[in-house]
Amino acid sequence: MTYVITERCIDVKDASCVEVCPVDCIHASEDDRMFYIDPDECIDCGACVDPCPVDAIYAEEDVPPDQQPYIEVNRLYFHDPAAARRRVAQLCPRATAGVGAGHPAAAEAAGSPAIMPEA
């Protein structure tokens, strides 16, 4: 078993999970829309789960059915990053990325100004 980062990370890319990973198995470049967990390096400790502000990380066996493609996307990234990026683009076009079309990052990617609620 390993942990998997799913769609909710797309265009959010909060690094809280990276900061707590004891084996540095969570990776991304500036070109990536999300973080990826290397299944060969992950020690299955689960330290990354709670710090994720968008609840994007699951144990592989607990990945929701609609997020199953991200199991392979995480694996693919460590063999062919460009192919993983293309797959993410297919699964989640920029206009609907992240935690939903109302998310500020999704609005910005779609060319709309982000409307933030008043504090």
Protein backbone atom coordinates (compact mmCIF):
# COMPACT_ATOMS: atom_id res chain seq x y z
CA MET A 1 0.00 0.00 0.00
CA THR A 2 1.04 3.58 -0.61
CA TYR A 3 -0.61 6.96 -0.33
CA VAL A 4 -2.06 8.72 -3.37
CA ILE A 5 -2.68 12.39 -4.11
CA THR A 6 -5.94 12.97 -5.95
CA GLU A 7 -7.75 15.66 -7.94
CA ARG A 8 -8.36 18.08 -5.08
CA CYS A 9 -4.65 18.96 -5.13
CA ILE A 10 -4.79 20.14 -8.73
CA ASP A 11 -4.12 23.87 -9.04
CA VAL A 12 -4.01 24.17 -5.24
CA LYS A 13 -0.62 22.55 -4.64
CA ASP A 14 -0.34 23.44 -0.95
CA ALA A 15 3.01 22.09 0.26
CA SER A 16 1.91 21.16 3.79
CA CYS A 17 2.22 17.47 2.91
CA VAL A 18 5.75 17.93 1.57
CA GLU A 19 6.88 19.61 4.77
CA VAL A 20 5.84 16.68 6.99
CA CYS A 21 6.92 13.74 4.84
CA PRO A 22 9.75 11.97 6.69
CA VAL A 23 11.18 10.37 3.54
CA ASP A 24 10.70 13.23 1.03
CA CYS A 25 8.63 11.10 -1.33
CA ILE A 26 6.24 13.88 -2.41
CA HIS A 27 7.40 15.67 -5.54
CA ALA A 28 6.40 18.24 -8.16
CA SER A 29 8.04 20.74 -10.46
CA GLU A 30 6.83 24.21 -11.33
CA ASP A 31 5.25 22.70 -14.47
CA ASP A 32 3.06 20.38 -12.42
CA ARG A 33 -0.48 21.24 -11.40
CA MET A 34 -0.38 18.89 -8.41
CA PHE A 35 2.00 16.99 -6.13
CA TYR A 36 2.73 13.29 -6.61
CA ILE A 37 3.73 10.57 -4.12
CA ASP A 38 6.44 8.19 -5.27
CA PRO A 39 5.02 4.73 -4.53
CA ASP A 40 8.52 3.24 -4.36
CA GLU A 41 9.65 5.72 -1.68
CA CYS A 42 6.46 6.06 0.38
CA ILE A 43 6.73 4.25 3.72
CA ASP A 44 2.96 4.29 4.30
CA CYS A 45 3.22 6.38 7.46
CA GLY A 46 0.24 8.61 6.67
CA ALA A 47 1.93 11.76 8.00
CA CYS A 48 0.85 13.64 4.86
CA VAL A 49 -2.89 13.02 5.22
CA ASP A 50 -3.94 15.36 8.04
CA PRO A 51 -1.88 18.40 6.96
CA CYS A 52 -3.49 18.42 3.50
CA PRO A 53 -5.93 21.35 3.60
CA VAL A 54 -8.07 20.01 0.73
CA ASP A 55 -8.24 16.33 1.80
CA ALA A 56 -6.58 15.15 -1.40
CA ILE A 57 -4.48 12.31 0.05
CA TYR A 58 -5.73 8.77 0.60
CA ALA A 59 -4.29 5.37 1.35
CA GLU A 60 -4.33 3.58 -2.00
CA GLU A 61 -6.96 1.12 -0.82
CA ASP A 62 -9.22 4.00 0.30
CA VAL A 63 -9.11 6.14 -2.85
CA PRO A 64 -12.74 6.95 -3.77
CA PRO A 65 -14.01 5.30 -6.96
CA ASP A 66 -14.15 8.57 -8.90
CA GLN A 67 -10.49 9.26 -7.99
CA GLN A 68 -9.08 5.83 -8.93
CA PRO A 69 -7.30 7.15 -12.08
CA TYR A 70 -4.99 9.15 -9.82
CA ILE A 71 -3.43 5.95 -8.48
CA GLU A 72 -1.93 5.35 -11.91
CA VAL A 73 -1.18 9.06 -12.44
CA ASN A 74 0.98 9.08 -9.29
CA ARG A 75 2.87 5.99 -10.48
CA LEU A 76 3.21 7.29 -14.03
CA TYR A 77 4.74 10.59 -12.91
CA PHE A 78 7.91 8.83 -11.71
CA HIS A 79 8.43 7.08 -15.05
CA ASP A 80 7.10 9.66 -17.51
CA PRO A 81 6.28 13.08 -16.00
CA ALA A 82 5.06 14.52 -19.30
CA ALA A 83 2.58 11.67 -19.74
CA ALA A 84 1.34 12.17 -16.17
CA ARG A 85 0.82 15.89 -16.86
CA ARG A 86 -1.15 15.07 -20.02
CA ARG A 87 -3.29 12.61 -18.09
CA VAL A 88 -4.02 15.18 -15.39
CA ALA A 89 -5.05 17.64 -18.12
CA GLN A 90 -7.42 15.02 -19.56
CA LEU A 91 -8.90 14.12 -16.19
CA CYS A 92 -9.24 17.69 -14.96
CA PRO A 93 -9.23 20.49 -17.53
CA ARG A 94 -8.06 23.80 -16.08
CA ALA A 95 -11.51 25.41 -15.96
CA THR A 96 -12.75 22.80 -13.46
CA ALA A 97 -9.55 21.98 -11.60
CA GLY A 98 -8.90 21.74 -7.90
CA VAL A 99 -11.60 21.82 -5.26
CA GLY A 100 -14.19 23.01 -7.74
CA ALA A 101 -14.92 25.62 -10.36
CA GLY A 102 -15.53 28.15 -7.56
CA HIS A 103 -12.01 27.73 -6.20
CA PRO A 104 -9.89 30.87 -6.77
CA ALA A 105 -7.20 28.92 -8.61
CA ALA A 106 -9.76 27.43 -10.98
CA ALA A 107 -11.31 30.82 -11.66
CA GLU A 108 -7.92 32.34 -12.37
CA ALA A 109 -6.99 29.46 -14.69
CA ALA A 110 -10.25 29.97 -16.56
CA GLY A 111 -9.45 33.65 -17.03
CA SER A 112 -12.00 34.94 -14.53
CA PRO A 113 -11.15 37.02 -11.50
CA ALA A 114 -11.40 35.05 -8.31
CA ILE A 115 -14.19 36.23 -6.07
CA MET A 116 -13.15 35.85 -2.49
CA PRO A 117 -15.71 35.91 0.31
CA GLU A 118 -15.42 38.81 2.72
CA ALA A 119 -13.70 38.01 6.00
